[in-house]
Each structure stands twice: as C-alpha cells, then as structure tokens.
Amino acid sequence: MTDPSPARILHLSSTAVGPDVLRITVRGELDVDSAAEFQDAVTEHLATRSGLRALRVDCGGLVLCDSMGLSALLMVHRRTTALGVSLHLEERPPALDRLLAVTGTLDHLTAPPAAAASTPPSS
C-alpha cells in the first residue's frame, strides 16, 4: 500500500482574526481518518479561547469531505451553537456544497445563527 498523497492528508492551521474571531484553515481530506482530529482541534480552540464570538472555517483547500467529515462539521456546529459562537464555513468548494445540499444540511450549517435557530427541524 502506498502513502496517501500529501494533498489528501488533513492539514489544519489557525489564525486569530481579531480578539473574538478565529479562522481555522482546512486543507486535504476531512474523512473517516481525519474527522476526529478536526473535531478535537476545534474543541480545544473553543475550550481555550474565552470570549470567542465567531469561528470561521476556511474550506478552500478541502479536497474531500465524506459522511464522517460531515458528521464532524455537524458536531462542531452543535458545539459552537451551545457556546454562542457563530460558525462560518467559508470558501466552500462545489463538492462540499453538493454534499451539504444532498444531505439537507446546507441551510443548517450556513444560515445565520438566528435563522438556523428559528428553522424547525425537518423530519
């Protein structure tokens, strides 16, 4: 078996955009092998950055997101919402938007916080 291409390995970096905004840049694959790493990194940032109001996830370098990656994004959304932190998925590649649309999670993950909270869950 060969090693995965470096472009496919998950790479995360974070940058403080301001005193209350953090940007996490995601490059590579958000999948069954890397979803926990992504969730753990976000959880650590949420726990150590008091006063955080917004988390911006730059998805521009995301080459793949599978069902476990989607699950990780949903869990991050749940955690940010519980803390009153708005989540923004920025620079979404078309494949991610298609996945979110097909699974009915596009509006849930991309709507402004007030709209997302007032939208009744679909059955």
PDB file of N, CA and C in Angstrom:
ATOM      1  N   MET A   1       0.839  -1.179   0.000  1.00  0.00           N
ATOM      2  CA  MET A   1       0.000   0.000   0.000  1.00  0.00           C
ATOM      3  C   MET A   1       0.884   1.243   0.000  1.00  0.00           C
ATOM      4  N   THR A   2       0.511   2.253  -0.765  1.00  0.00           N
ATOM      5  CA  THR A   2       1.311   3.465  -0.855  1.00  0.00           C
ATOM      6  C   THR A   2       0.811   4.498   0.143  1.00  0.00           C
ATOM      7  N   ASP A   3       1.690   5.416   0.469  1.00  0.00           N
ATOM      8  CA  ASP A   3       1.302   6.508   1.356  1.00  0.00           C
ATOM      9  C   ASP A   3       0.327   7.424   0.631  1.00  0.00           C
ATOM     10  N   PRO A   4      -0.610   8.024   1.387  1.00  0.00           N
ATOM     11  CA  PRO A   4      -1.538   8.948   0.754  1.00  0.00           C
ATOM     12  C   PRO A   4      -0.804  10.178   0.230  1.00  0.00           C
ATOM     13  N   SER A   5      -1.354  10.755  -0.814  1.00  0.00           N
ATOM     14  CA  SER A   5      -0.794  11.971  -1.377  1.00  0.00           C
ATOM     15  C   SER A   5      -0.799  13.068  -0.313  1.00  0.00           C
ATOM     16  N   PRO A   6       0.266  13.893  -0.260  1.00  0.00           N
ATOM     17  CA  PRO A   6       0.285  14.982   0.731  1.00  0.00           C
ATOM     18  C   PRO A   6      -0.927  15.909   0.615  1.00  0.00           C
ATOM     19  N   ALA A   7      -1.487  16.040  -0.589  1.00  0.00           N
ATOM     20  CA  ALA A   7      -2.655  16.908  -0.772  1.00  0.00           C
ATOM     21  C   ALA A   7      -3.887  16.321  -0.095  1.00  0.00           C
ATOM     22  N   ARG A   8      -3.889  15.018   0.164  1.00  0.00           N
ATOM     23  CA  ARG A   8      -5.042  14.358   0.762  1.00  0.00           C
ATOM     24  C   ARG A   8      -4.982  14.315   2.283  1.00  0.00           C
ATOM     25  N   ILE A   9      -3.801  14.438   2.856  1.00  0.00           N
ATOM     26  CA  ILE A   9      -3.646  14.416   4.308  1.00  0.00           C
ATOM     27  C   ILE A   9      -4.242  15.700   4.884  1.00  0.00           C
ATOM     28  N   LEU A  10      -4.963  15.578   5.982  1.00  0.00           N
ATOM     29  CA  LEU A  10      -5.573  16.743   6.609  1.00  0.00           C
ATOM     30  C   LEU A  10      -4.511  17.628   7.237  1.00  0.00           C
ATOM     31  N   HIS A  11      -4.566  18.908   6.888  1.00  0.00           N
ATOM     32  CA  HIS A  11      -3.697  19.924   7.482  1.00  0.00           C
ATOM     33  C   HIS A  11      -4.597  21.009   8.038  1.00  0.00           C
ATOM     34  N   LEU A  12      -4.393  21.353   9.293  1.00  0.00           N
ATOM     35  CA  LEU A  12      -5.179  22.399   9.946  1.00  0.00           C
ATOM     36  C   LEU A  12      -4.239  23.488  10.421  1.00  0.00           C
ATOM     37  N   SER A  13      -4.665  24.715  10.257  1.00  0.00           N
ATOM     38  CA  SER A  13      -3.923  25.835  10.837  1.00  0.00           C
ATOM     39  C   SER A  13      -4.951  26.828  11.368  1.00  0.00           C
ATOM     40  N   SER A  14      -4.555  27.582  12.362  1.00  0.00           N
ATOM     41  CA  SER A  14      -5.479  28.549  12.948  1.00  0.00           C
ATOM     42  C   SER A  14      -4.826  29.911  13.023  1.00  0.00           C
ATOM     43  N   THR A  15      -5.667  30.925  12.883  1.00  0.00           N
ATOM     44  CA  THR A  15      -5.225  32.307  12.927  1.00  0.00           C
ATOM     45  C   THR A  15      -6.267  33.123  13.661  1.00  0.00           C
ATOM     46  N   ALA A  16      -5.828  33.916  14.606  1.00  0.00           N
ATOM     47  CA  ALA A  16      -6.748  34.849  15.262  1.00  0.00           C
ATOM     48  C   ALA A  16      -6.990  36.001  14.299  1.00  0.00           C
ATOM     49  N   VAL A  17      -8.251  36.217  13.941  1.00  0.00           N
ATOM     50  CA  VAL A  17      -8.607  37.296  13.021  1.00  0.00           C
ATOM     51  C   VAL A  17      -8.843  38.582  13.806  1.00  0.00           C
ATOM     52  N   GLY A  18      -9.147  38.435  15.045  1.00  0.00           N
ATOM     53  CA  GLY A  18      -9.383  39.542  15.964  1.00  0.00           C
ATOM     54  C   GLY A  18      -9.462  38.954  17.360  1.00  0.00           C
ATOM     55  N   PRO A  19      -9.795  39.780  18.344  1.00  0.00           N
ATOM     56  CA  PRO A  19      -9.840  39.261  19.713  1.00  0.00           C
ATOM     57  C   PRO A  19     -10.942  38.223  19.941  1.00  0.00           C
ATOM     58  N   ASP A  20     -11.960  38.227  19.094  1.00  0.00           N
ATOM     59  CA  ASP A  20     -13.085  37.311  19.307  1.00  0.00           C
ATOM     60  C   ASP A  20     -13.433  36.470  18.079  1.00  0.00           C
ATOM     61  N   VAL A  21     -12.524  36.422  17.096  1.00  0.00           N
ATOM     62  CA  VAL A  21     -12.755  35.655  15.869  1.00  0.00           C
ATOM     63  C   VAL A  21     -11.527  34.788  15.588  1.00  0.00           C
ATOM     64  N   LEU A  22     -11.793  33.515  15.318  1.00  0.00           N
ATOM     65  CA  LEU A  22     -10.729  32.582  14.986  1.00  0.00           C
ATOM     66  C   LEU A  22     -11.010  31.969  13.623  1.00  0.00           C
ATOM     67  N   ARG A  23      -9.985  31.878  12.794  1.00  0.00           N
ATOM     68  CA  ARG A  23     -10.109  31.203  11.493  1.00  0.00           C
ATOM     69  C   ARG A  23      -9.289  29.915  11.541  1.00  0.00           C
ATOM     70  N   ILE A  24      -9.947  28.820  11.189  1.00  0.00           N
ATOM     71  CA  ILE A  24      -9.254  27.539  11.038  1.00  0.00           C
ATOM     72  C   ILE A  24      -9.254  27.208   9.556  1.00  0.00           C
ATOM     73  N   THR A  25      -8.083  27.006   9.008  1.00  0.00           N
ATOM     74  CA  THR A  25      -7.942  26.664   7.603  1.00  0.00           C
ATOM     75  C   THR A  25      -7.788  25.152   7.488  1.00  0.00           C
ATOM     76  N   VAL A  26      -8.607  24.571   6.620  1.00  0.00           N
ATOM     77  CA  VAL A  26      -8.624  23.123   6.418  1.00  0.00           C
ATOM     78  C   VAL A  26      -8.107  22.832   5.019  1.00  0.00           C
ATOM     79  N   ARG A  27      -7.087  21.969   4.942  1.00  0.00           N
ATOM     80  CA  ARG A  27      -6.568  21.525   3.642  1.00  0.00           C
ATOM     81  C   ARG A  27      -6.513  20.009   3.655  1.00  0.00           C
ATOM     82  N   GLY A  28      -6.858  19.400   2.531  1.00  0.00           N
ATOM     83  CA  GLY A  28      -6.802  17.945   2.420  1.00  0.00           C
ATOM     84  C   GLY A  28      -8.176  17.327   2.550  1.00  0.00           C
ATOM     85  N   GLU A  29      -8.218  16.118   3.101  1.00  0.00           N
ATOM     86  CA  GLU A  29      -9.457  15.361   3.208  1.00  0.00           C
ATOM     87  C   GLU A  29     -10.005  15.383   4.629  1.00  0.00           C
ATOM     88  N   LEU A  30     -11.279  15.679   4.736  1.00  0.00           N
ATOM     89  CA  LEU A  30     -11.991  15.579   6.004  1.00  0.00           C
ATOM     90  C   LEU A  30     -12.838  14.323   5.875  1.00  0.00           C
ATOM     91  N   ASP A  31     -12.316  13.225   6.420  1.00  0.00           N
ATOM     92  CA  ASP A  31     -12.939  11.923   6.186  1.00  0.00           C
ATOM     93  C   ASP A  31     -12.864  11.050   7.423  1.00  0.00           C
ATOM     94  N   VAL A  32     -13.166   9.788   7.231  1.00  0.00           N
ATOM     95  CA  VAL A  32     -13.189   8.835   8.337  1.00  0.00           C
ATOM     96  C   VAL A  32     -11.857   8.814   9.091  1.00  0.00           C
ATOM     97  N   ASP A  33     -10.761   9.059   8.411  1.00  0.00           N
ATOM     98  CA  ASP A  33      -9.445   9.023   9.042  1.00  0.00           C
ATOM     99  C   ASP A  33      -9.077  10.316   9.760  1.00  0.00           C
ATOM    100  N   SER A  34      -9.726  11.420   9.423  1.00  0.00           N
ATOM    101  CA  SER A  34      -9.297  12.705   9.974  1.00  0.00           C
ATOM    102  C   SER A  34     -10.396  13.472  10.713  1.00  0.00           C
ATOM    103  N   ALA A  35     -11.621  12.990  10.696  1.00  0.00           N
ATOM    104  CA  ALA A  35     -12.732  13.721  11.319  1.00  0.00           C
ATOM    105  C   ALA A  35     -12.489  13.970  12.804  1.00  0.00           C
ATOM    106  N   ALA A  36     -11.994  12.968  13.512  1.00  0.00           N
ATOM    107  CA  ALA A  36     -11.753  13.132  14.953  1.00  0.00           C
ATOM    108  C   ALA A  36     -10.665  14.177  15.210  1.00  0.00           C
ATOM    109  N   GLU A  37      -9.644  14.189  14.370  1.00  0.00           N
ATOM    110  CA  GLU A  37      -8.574  15.183  14.515  1.00  0.00           C
ATOM    111  C   GLU A  37      -9.135  16.597  14.370  1.00  0.00           C
ATOM    112  N   PHE A  38      -9.991  16.785  13.374  1.00  0.00           N
ATOM    113  CA  PHE A  38     -10.617  18.089  13.145  1.00  0.00           C
ATOM    114  C   PHE A  38     -11.472  18.481  14.355  1.00  0.00           C
ATOM    115  N   GLN A  39     -12.336  17.570  14.795  1.00  0.00           N
ATOM    116  CA  GLN A  39     -13.202  17.844  15.940  1.00  0.00           C
ATOM    117  C   GLN A  39     -12.377  18.168  17.181  1.00  0.00           C
ATOM    118  N   ASP A  40     -11.346  17.393  17.435  1.00  0.00           N
ATOM    119  CA  ASP A  40     -10.511  17.624  18.616  1.00  0.00           C
ATOM    120  C   ASP A  40      -9.836  18.985  18.567  1.00  0.00           C
ATOM    121  N   ALA A  41      -9.340  19.365  17.402  1.00  0.00           N
ATOM    122  CA  ALA A  41      -8.669  20.664  17.259  1.00  0.00           C
ATOM    123  C   ALA A  41      -9.649  21.799  17.518  1.00  0.00           C
ATOM    124  N   VAL A  42     -10.833  21.707  16.943  1.00  0.00           N
ATOM    125  CA  VAL A  42     -11.832  22.762  17.149  1.00  0.00           C
ATOM    126  C   VAL A  42     -12.258  22.811  18.611  1.00  0.00           C
ATOM    127  N   THR A  43     -12.493  21.649  19.205  1.00  0.00           N
ATOM    128  CA  THR A  43     -12.903  21.591  20.612  1.00  0.00           C
ATOM    129  C   THR A  43     -11.846  22.235  21.508  1.00  0.00           C
ATOM    130  N   GLU A  44     -10.579  21.963  21.226  1.00  0.00           N
ATOM    131  CA  GLU A  44      -9.503  22.566  22.016  1.00  0.00           C
ATOM    132  C   GLU A  44      -9.506  24.083  21.879  1.00  0.00           C
ATOM    133  N   HIS A  45      -9.675  24.577  20.666  1.00  0.00           N
ATOM    134  CA  HIS A  45      -9.721  26.037  20.468  1.00  0.00           C
ATOM    135  C   HIS A  45     -10.913  26.642  21.208  1.00  0.00           C
ATOM    136  N   LEU A  46     -12.056  25.990  21.140  1.00  0.00           N
ATOM    137  CA  LEU A  46     -13.240  26.510  21.822  1.00  0.00           C
ATOM    138  C   LEU A  46     -13.037  26.533  23.338  1.00  0.00           C
ATOM    139  N   ALA A  47     -12.333  25.554  23.859  1.00  0.00           N
ATOM    140  CA  ALA A  47     -12.111  25.462  25.305  1.00  0.00           C
ATOM    141  C   ALA A  47     -11.071  26.467  25.800  1.00  0.00           C
ATOM    142  N   THR A  48     -10.128  26.823  24.951  1.00  0.00           N
ATOM    143  CA  THR A  48      -9.019  27.669  25.407  1.00  0.00           C
ATOM    144  C   THR A  48      -9.147  29.134  25.009  1.00  0.00           C
ATOM    145  N   ARG A  49     -10.102  29.467  24.188  1.00  0.00           N
ATOM    146  CA  ARG A  49     -10.262  30.855  23.744  1.00  0.00           C
ATOM    147  C   ARG A  49     -11.549  31.422  24.312  1.00  0.00           C
ATOM    148  N   SER A  50     -11.470  31.991  25.496  1.00  0.00           N
ATOM    149  CA  SER A  50     -12.663  32.597  26.077  1.00  0.00           C
ATOM    150  C   SER A  50     -13.005  33.877  25.313  1.00  0.00           C
ATOM    151  N   GLY A  51     -14.266  34.174  25.247  1.00  0.00           N
ATOM    152  CA  GLY A  51     -14.712  35.379  24.557  1.00  0.00           C
ATOM    153  C   GLY A  51     -14.825  35.230  23.052  1.00  0.00           C
ATOM    154  N   LEU A  52     -14.646  34.037  22.553  1.00  0.00           N
ATOM    155  CA  LEU A  52     -14.751  33.800  21.114  1.00  0.00           C
ATOM    156  C   LEU A  52     -16.201  33.998  20.680  1.00  0.00           C
ATOM    157  N   ARG A  53     -16.413  34.789  19.626  1.00  0.00           N
ATOM    158  CA  ARG A  53     -17.767  35.027  19.121  1.00  0.00           C
ATOM    159  C   ARG A  53     -18.000  34.388  17.763  1.00  0.00           C
ATOM    160  N   ALA A  54     -16.925  34.147  17.017  1.00  0.00           N
ATOM    161  CA  ALA A  54     -17.088  33.581  15.675  1.00  0.00           C
ATOM    162  C   ALA A  54     -15.935  32.633  15.360  1.00  0.00           C
ATOM    163  N   LEU A  55     -16.295  31.528  14.737  1.00  0.00           N
ATOM    164  CA  LEU A  55     -15.321  30.564  14.236  1.00  0.00           C
ATOM    165  C   LEU A  55     -15.509  30.490  12.729  1.00  0.00           C
ATOM    166  N   ARG A  56     -14.473  30.848  12.015  1.00  0.00           N
ATOM    167  CA  ARG A  56     -14.503  30.815  10.554  1.00  0.00           C
ATOM    168  C   ARG A  56     -13.668  29.632  10.094  1.00  0.00           C
ATOM    169  N   VAL A  57     -14.300  28.714   9.378  1.00  0.00           N
ATOM    170  CA  VAL A  57     -13.592  27.550   8.864  1.00  0.00           C
ATOM    171  C   VAL A  57     -13.392  27.768   7.368  1.00  0.00           C
ATOM    172  N   ASP A  58     -12.150  27.971   6.972  1.00  0.00           N
ATOM    173  CA  ASP A  58     -11.801  28.176   5.568  1.00  0.00           C
ATOM    174  C   ASP A  58     -11.679  26.806   4.916  1.00  0.00           C
ATOM    175  N   CYS A  59     -12.647  26.476   4.070  1.00  0.00           N
ATOM    176  CA  CYS A  59     -12.708  25.165   3.418  1.00  0.00           C
ATOM    177  C   CYS A  59     -12.111  25.177   2.012  1.00  0.00           C
ATOM    178  N   GLY A  60     -11.459  26.260   1.631  1.00  0.00           N
ATOM    179  CA  GLY A  60     -10.945  26.405   0.283  1.00  0.00           C
ATOM    180  C   GLY A  60      -9.973  25.315  -0.149  1.00  0.00           C
ATOM    181  N   GLY A  61      -9.248  24.730   0.803  1.00  0.00           N
ATOM    182  CA  GLY A  61      -8.296  23.682   0.477  1.00  0.00           C
ATOM    183  C   GLY A  61      -8.825  22.280   0.732  1.00  0.00           C
ATOM    184  N   LEU A  62     -10.106  22.183   0.992  1.00  0.00           N
ATOM    185  CA  LEU A  62     -10.715  20.882   1.256  1.00  0.00           C
ATOM    186  C   LEU A  62     -10.883  20.134  -0.062  1.00  0.00           C
ATOM    187  N   VAL A  63     -10.278  18.956  -0.175  1.00  0.00           N
ATOM    188  CA  VAL A  63     -10.369  18.193  -1.423  1.00  0.00           C
ATOM    189  C   VAL A  63     -11.412  17.093  -1.356  1.00  0.00           C
ATOM    190  N   LEU A  64     -11.839  16.730  -0.139  1.00  0.00           N
ATOM    191  CA  LEU A  64     -12.849  15.695   0.008  1.00  0.00           C
ATOM    192  C   LEU A  64     -13.481  15.816   1.379  1.00  0.00           C
ATOM    193  N   CYS A  65     -14.781  15.596   1.434  1.00  0.00           N
ATOM    194  CA  CYS A  65     -15.489  15.516   2.705  1.00  0.00           C
ATOM    195  C   CYS A  65     -16.466  14.359   2.580  1.00  0.00           C
ATOM    196  N   ASP A  66     -16.270  13.317   3.397  1.00  0.00           N
ATOM    197  CA  ASP A  66     -17.167  12.168   3.349  1.00  0.00           C
ATOM    198  C   ASP A  66     -18.191  12.282   4.484  1.00  0.00           C
ATOM    199  N   SER A  67     -18.942  11.216   4.721  1.00  0.00           N
ATOM    200  CA  SER A  67     -20.001  11.265   5.731  1.00  0.00           C
ATOM    201  C   SER A  67     -19.444  11.510   7.136  1.00  0.00           C
ATOM    202  N   MET A  68     -18.261  11.003   7.422  1.00  0.00           N
ATOM    203  CA  MET A  68     -17.659  11.266   8.738  1.00  0.00           C
ATOM    204  C   MET A  68     -17.187  12.716   8.834  1.00  0.00           C
ATOM    205  N   GLY A  69     -16.728  13.277   7.726  1.00  0.00           N
ATOM    206  CA  GLY A  69     -16.372  14.694   7.704  1.00  0.00           C
ATOM    207  C   GLY A  69     -17.597  15.551   7.937  1.00  0.00           C
ATOM    208  N   LEU A  70     -18.706  15.184   7.296  1.00  0.00           N
ATOM    209  CA  LEU A  70     -19.962  15.898   7.509  1.00  0.00           C
ATOM    210  C   LEU A  70     -20.385  15.786   8.967  1.00  0.00           C
ATOM    211  N   SER A  71     -20.268  14.605   9.537  1.00  0.00           N
ATOM    212  CA  SER A  71     -20.601  14.406  10.944  1.00  0.00           C
ATOM    213  C   SER A  71     -19.749  15.314  11.834  1.00  0.00           C
ATOM    214  N   ALA A  72     -18.475  15.450  11.511  1.00  0.00           N
ATOM    215  CA  ALA A  72     -17.585  16.328  12.284  1.00  0.00           C
ATOM    216  C   ALA A  72     -18.032  17.781  12.171  1.00  0.00           C
ATOM    217  N   LEU A  73     -18.412  18.200  10.976  1.00  0.00           N
ATOM    218  CA  LEU A  73     -18.903  19.573  10.801  1.00  0.00           C
ATOM    219  C   LEU A  73     -20.176  19.806  11.603  1.00  0.00           C
ATOM    220  N   LEU A  74     -21.062  18.823  11.609  1.00  0.00           N
ATOM    221  CA  LEU A  74     -22.303  18.944  12.385  1.00  0.00           C
ATOM    222  C   LEU A  74     -22.015  19.008  13.884  1.00  0.00           C
ATOM    223  N   MET A  75     -21.058  18.218  14.352  1.00  0.00           N
ATOM    224  CA  MET A  75     -20.695  18.254  15.771  1.00  0.00           C
ATOM    225  C   MET A  75     -20.070  19.593  16.134  1.00  0.00           C
ATOM    226  N   VAL A  76     -19.227  20.115  15.262  1.00  0.00           N
ATOM    227  CA  VAL A  76     -18.633  21.434  15.502  1.00  0.00           C
ATOM    228  C   VAL A  76     -19.740  22.488  15.556  1.00  0.00           C
ATOM    229  N   HIS A  77     -20.706  22.383  14.671  1.00  0.00           N
ATOM    230  CA  HIS A  77     -21.833  23.318  14.684  1.00  0.00           C
ATOM    231  C   HIS A  77     -22.581  23.227  16.013  1.00  0.00           C
ATOM    232  N   ARG A  78     -22.814  22.017  16.474  1.00  0.00           N
ATOM    233  CA  ARG A  78     -23.519  21.826  17.751  1.00  0.00           C
ATOM    234  C   ARG A  78     -22.735  22.470  18.895  1.00  0.00           C
ATOM    235  N   ARG A  79     -21.425  22.266  18.908  1.00  0.00           N
ATOM    236  CA  ARG A  79     -20.600  22.815  19.993  1.00  0.00           C
ATOM    237  C   ARG A  79     -20.524  24.334  19.939  1.00  0.00           C
ATOM    238  N   THR A  80     -20.362  24.889  18.743  1.00  0.00           N
ATOM    239  CA  THR A  80     -20.287  26.347  18.649  1.00  0.00           C
ATOM    240  C   THR A  80     -21.619  26.974  19.038  1.00  0.00           C
ATOM    241  N   THR A  81     -22.712  26.378  18.590  1.00  0.00           N
ATOM    242  CA  THR A  81     -24.034  26.900  18.926  1.00  0.00           C
ATOM    243  C   THR A  81     -24.255  26.891  20.438  1.00  0.00           C
ATOM    244  N   ALA A  82     -23.870  25.809  21.089  1.00  0.00           N
ATOM    245  CA  ALA A  82     -24.038  25.699  22.541  1.00  0.00           C
ATOM    246  C   ALA A  82     -23.251  26.778  23.285  1.00  0.00           C
ATOM    247  N   LEU A  83     -22.145  27.223  22.699  1.00  0.00           N
ATOM    248  CA  LEU A  83     -21.311  28.240  23.332  1.00  0.00           C
ATOM    249  C   LEU A  83     -21.654  29.656  22.872  1.00  0.00           C
ATOM    250  N   GLY A  84     -22.617  29.786  21.964  1.00  0.00           N
ATOM    251  CA  GLY A  84     -22.965  31.105  21.444  1.00  0.00           C
ATOM    252  C   GLY A  84     -21.948  31.644  20.455  1.00  0.00           C
ATOM    253  N   VAL A  85     -21.191  30.750  19.842  1.00  0.00           N
ATOM    254  CA  VAL A  85     -20.182  31.127  18.846  1.00  0.00           C
ATOM    255  C   VAL A  85     -20.767  30.861  17.467  1.00  0.00           C
ATOM    256  N   SER A  86     -20.719  31.859  16.593  1.00  0.00           N
ATOM    257  CA  SER A  86     -21.248  31.645  15.243  1.00  0.00           C
ATOM    258  C   SER A  86     -20.212  30.916  14.397  1.00  0.00           C
ATOM    259  N   LEU A  87     -20.691  29.957  13.609  1.00  0.00           N
ATOM    260  CA  LEU A  87     -19.841  29.155  12.735  1.00  0.00           C
ATOM    261  C   LEU A  87     -20.041  29.607  11.300  1.00  0.00           C
ATOM    262  N   HIS A  88     -18.946  29.839  10.609  1.00  0.00           N
ATOM    263  CA  HIS A  88     -18.983  30.253   9.212  1.00  0.00           C
ATOM    264  C   HIS A  88     -18.112  29.295   8.406  1.00  0.00           C
ATOM    265  N   LEU A  89     -18.710  28.618   7.433  1.00  0.00           N
ATOM    266  CA  LEU A  89     -17.952  27.765   6.519  1.00  0.00           C
ATOM    267  C   LEU A  89     -17.652  28.596   5.286  1.00  0.00           C
ATOM    268  N   GLU A  90     -16.409  29.014   5.147  1.00  0.00           N
ATOM    269  CA  GLU A  90     -16.019  29.930   4.075  1.00  0.00           C
ATOM    270  C   GLU A  90     -15.296  29.198   2.961  1.00  0.00           C
ATOM    271  N   GLU A  91     -15.332  29.805   1.783  1.00  0.00           N
ATOM    272  CA  GLU A  91     -14.607  29.279   0.618  1.00  0.00           C
ATOM    273  C   GLU A  91     -14.944  27.810   0.372  1.00  0.00           C
ATOM    274  N   ARG A  92     -16.230  27.480   0.497  1.00  0.00           N
ATOM    275  CA  ARG A  92     -16.650  26.085   0.309  1.00  0.00           C
ATOM    276  C   ARG A  92     -16.479  25.668  -1.147  1.00  0.00           C
ATOM    277  N   PRO A  93     -15.804  24.543  -1.379  1.00  0.00           N
ATOM    278  CA  PRO A  93     -15.695  24.041  -2.751  1.00  0.00           C
ATOM    279  C   PRO A  93     -17.049  23.499  -3.207  1.00  0.00           C
ATOM    280  N   PRO A  94     -17.284  23.461  -4.516  1.00  0.00           N
ATOM    281  CA  PRO A  94     -18.564  22.971  -5.038  1.00  0.00           C
ATOM    282  C   PRO A  94     -18.935  21.580  -4.529  1.00  0.00           C
ATOM    283  N   ALA A  95     -17.957  20.700  -4.374  1.00  0.00           N
ATOM    284  CA  ALA A  95     -18.260  19.337  -3.901  1.00  0.00           C
ATOM    285  C   ALA A  95     -18.816  19.361  -2.480  1.00  0.00           C
ATOM    286  N   LEU A  96     -18.322  20.248  -1.636  1.00  0.00           N
ATOM    287  CA  LEU A  96     -18.847  20.351  -0.275  1.00  0.00           C
ATOM    288  C   LEU A  96     -20.268  20.903  -0.303  1.00  0.00           C
ATOM    289  N   ASP A  97     -20.499  21.925  -1.112  1.00  0.00           N
ATOM    290  CA  ASP A  97     -21.864  22.461  -1.226  1.00  0.00           C
ATOM    291  C   ASP A  97     -22.831  21.395  -1.734  1.00  0.00           C
ATOM    292  N   ARG A  98     -22.399  20.567  -2.688  1.00  0.00           N
ATOM    293  CA  ARG A  98     -23.264  19.486  -3.181  1.00  0.00           C
ATOM    294  C   ARG A  98     -23.580  18.492  -2.068  1.00  0.00           C
ATOM    295  N   LEU A  99     -22.575  18.109  -1.294  1.00  0.00           N
ATOM    296  CA  LEU A  99     -22.788  17.183  -0.184  1.00  0.00           C
ATOM    297  C   LEU A  99     -23.768  17.775   0.819  1.00  0.00           C
ATOM    298  N   LEU A 100     -23.583  19.026   1.161  1.00  0.00           N
ATOM    299  CA  LEU A 100     -24.478  19.675   2.122  1.00  0.00           C
ATOM    300  C   LEU A 100     -25.894  19.786   1.566  1.00  0.00           C
ATOM    301  N   ALA A 101     -26.015  20.085   0.280  1.00  0.00           N
ATOM    302  CA  ALA A 101     -27.347  20.188  -0.330  1.00  0.00           C
ATOM    303  C   ALA A 101     -28.040  18.835  -0.391  1.00  0.00           C
ATOM    304  N   VAL A 102     -27.327  17.812  -0.812  1.00  0.00           N
ATOM    305  CA  VAL A 102     -27.911  16.471  -0.947  1.00  0.00           C
ATOM    306  C   VAL A 102     -28.354  15.922   0.408  1.00  0.00           C
ATOM    307  N   THR A 103     -27.604  16.244   1.454  1.00  0.00           N
ATOM    308  CA  THR A 103     -27.928  15.725   2.779  1.00  0.00           C
ATOM    309  C   THR A 103     -28.885  16.630   3.553  1.00  0.00           C
ATOM    310  N   GLY A 104     -29.280  17.742   2.956  1.00  0.00           N
ATOM    311  CA  GLY A 104     -30.214  18.643   3.620  1.00  0.00           C
ATOM    312  C   GLY A 104     -29.592  19.438   4.758  1.00  0.00           C
ATOM    313  N   THR A 105     -28.271  19.569   4.749  1.00  0.00           N
ATOM    314  CA  THR A 105     -27.600  20.278   5.841  1.00  0.00           C
ATOM    315  C   THR A 105     -27.029  21.637   5.425  1.00  0.00           C
ATOM    316  N   LEU A 106     -27.199  22.019   4.169  1.00  0.00           N
ATOM    317  CA  LEU A 106     -26.628  23.277   3.692  1.00  0.00           C
ATOM    318  C   LEU A 106     -27.144  24.463   4.499  1.00  0.00           C
ATOM    319  N   ASP A 107     -28.471  24.607   4.596  1.00  0.00           N
ATOM    320  CA  ASP A 107     -29.025  25.734   5.345  1.00  0.00           C
ATOM    321  C   ASP A 107     -28.669  25.636   6.825  1.00  0.00           C
ATOM    322  N   HIS A 108     -28.691  24.435   7.358  1.00  0.00           N
ATOM    323  CA  HIS A 108     -28.380  24.243   8.782  1.00  0.00           C
ATOM    324  C   HIS A 108     -26.968  24.722   9.108  1.00  0.00           C
ATOM    325  N   LEU A 109     -26.019  24.406   8.247  1.00  0.00           N
ATOM    326  CA  LEU A 109     -24.624  24.752   8.525  1.00  0.00           C
ATOM    327  C   LEU A 109     -24.214  26.131   8.023  1.00  0.00           C
ATOM    328  N   THR A 110     -25.015  26.741   7.156  1.00  0.00           N
ATOM    329  CA  THR A 110     -24.578  28.010   6.572  1.00  0.00           C
ATOM    330  C   THR A 110     -25.507  29.176   6.853  1.00  0.00           C
ATOM    331  N   ALA A 111     -26.676  28.927   7.428  1.00  0.00           N
ATOM    332  CA  ALA A 111     -27.604  30.024   7.727  1.00  0.00           C
ATOM    333  C   ALA A 111     -27.072  30.845   8.896  1.00  0.00           C
ATOM    334  N   PRO A 112     -27.413  32.125   8.922  1.00  0.00           N
ATOM    335  CA  PRO A 112     -27.028  32.928  10.086  1.00  0.00           C
ATOM    336  C   PRO A 112     -27.594  32.294  11.359  1.00  0.00           C
ATOM    337  N   PRO A 113     -26.912  32.433  12.499  1.00  0.00           N
ATOM    338  CA  PRO A 113     -27.339  31.757  13.724  1.00  0.00           C
ATOM    339  C   PRO A 113     -28.805  31.966  14.098  1.00  0.00           C
ATOM    340  N   ALA A 114     -29.328  33.156  13.998  1.00  0.00           N
ATOM    341  CA  ALA A 114     -30.718  33.389  14.370  1.00  0.00           C
ATOM    342  C   ALA A 114     -31.663  32.630  13.449  1.00  0.00           C
ATOM    343  N   ALA A 115     -31.362  32.618  12.154  1.00  0.00           N
ATOM    344  CA  ALA A 115     -32.218  31.897  11.194  1.00  0.00           C
ATOM    345  C   ALA A 115     -32.125  30.409  11.423  1.00  0.00           C
ATOM    346  N   ALA A 116     -30.932  29.909  11.715  1.00  0.00           N
ATOM    347  CA  ALA A 116     -30.759  28.476  11.941  1.00  0.00           C
ATOM    348  C   ALA A 116     -31.524  28.051  13.181  1.00  0.00           C
ATOM    349  N   ALA A 117     -31.522  28.892  14.215  1.00  0.00           N
ATOM    350  CA  ALA A 117     -32.206  28.532  15.460  1.00  0.00           C
ATOM    351  C   ALA A 117     -33.716  28.563  15.298  1.00  0.00           C
ATOM    352  N   SER A 118     -34.210  29.418  14.391  1.00  0.00           N
ATOM    353  CA  SER A 118     -35.662  29.522  14.240  1.00  0.00           C
ATOM    354  C   SER A 118     -36.217  28.560  13.217  1.00  0.00           C
ATOM    355  N   THR A 119     -35.357  27.903  12.470  1.00  0.00           N
ATOM    356  CA  THR A 119     -35.812  26.942  11.472  1.00  0.00           C
ATOM    357  C   THR A 119     -36.186  25.643  12.167  1.00  0.00           C
ATOM    358  N   PRO A 120     -37.444  25.194  12.004  1.00  0.00           N
ATOM    359  CA  PRO A 120     -37.831  23.948  12.667  1.00  0.00           C
ATOM    360  C   PRO A 120     -37.096  22.777  12.035  1.00  0.00           C
ATOM    361  N   PRO A 121     -36.763  21.764  12.851  1.00  0.00           N
ATOM    362  CA  PRO A 121     -36.071  20.600  12.295  1.00  0.00           C
ATOM    363  C   PRO A 121     -36.976  19.870  11.326  1.00  0.00           C
ATOM    364  N   SER A 122     -36.356  19.358  10.250  1.00  0.00           N
ATOM    365  CA  SER A 122     -37.150  18.598   9.283  1.00  0.00           C
ATOM    366  C   SER A 122     -37.207  17.143   9.701  1.00  0.00           C
ATOM    367  N   SER A 123     -38.287  16.476   9.325  1.00  0.00           N
ATOM    368  CA  SER A 123     -38.416  15.082   9.719  1.00  0.00           C
ATOM    369  C   SER A 123     -37.937  14.159   8.641  1.00  0.00           C
TER     370      SER A 123
END
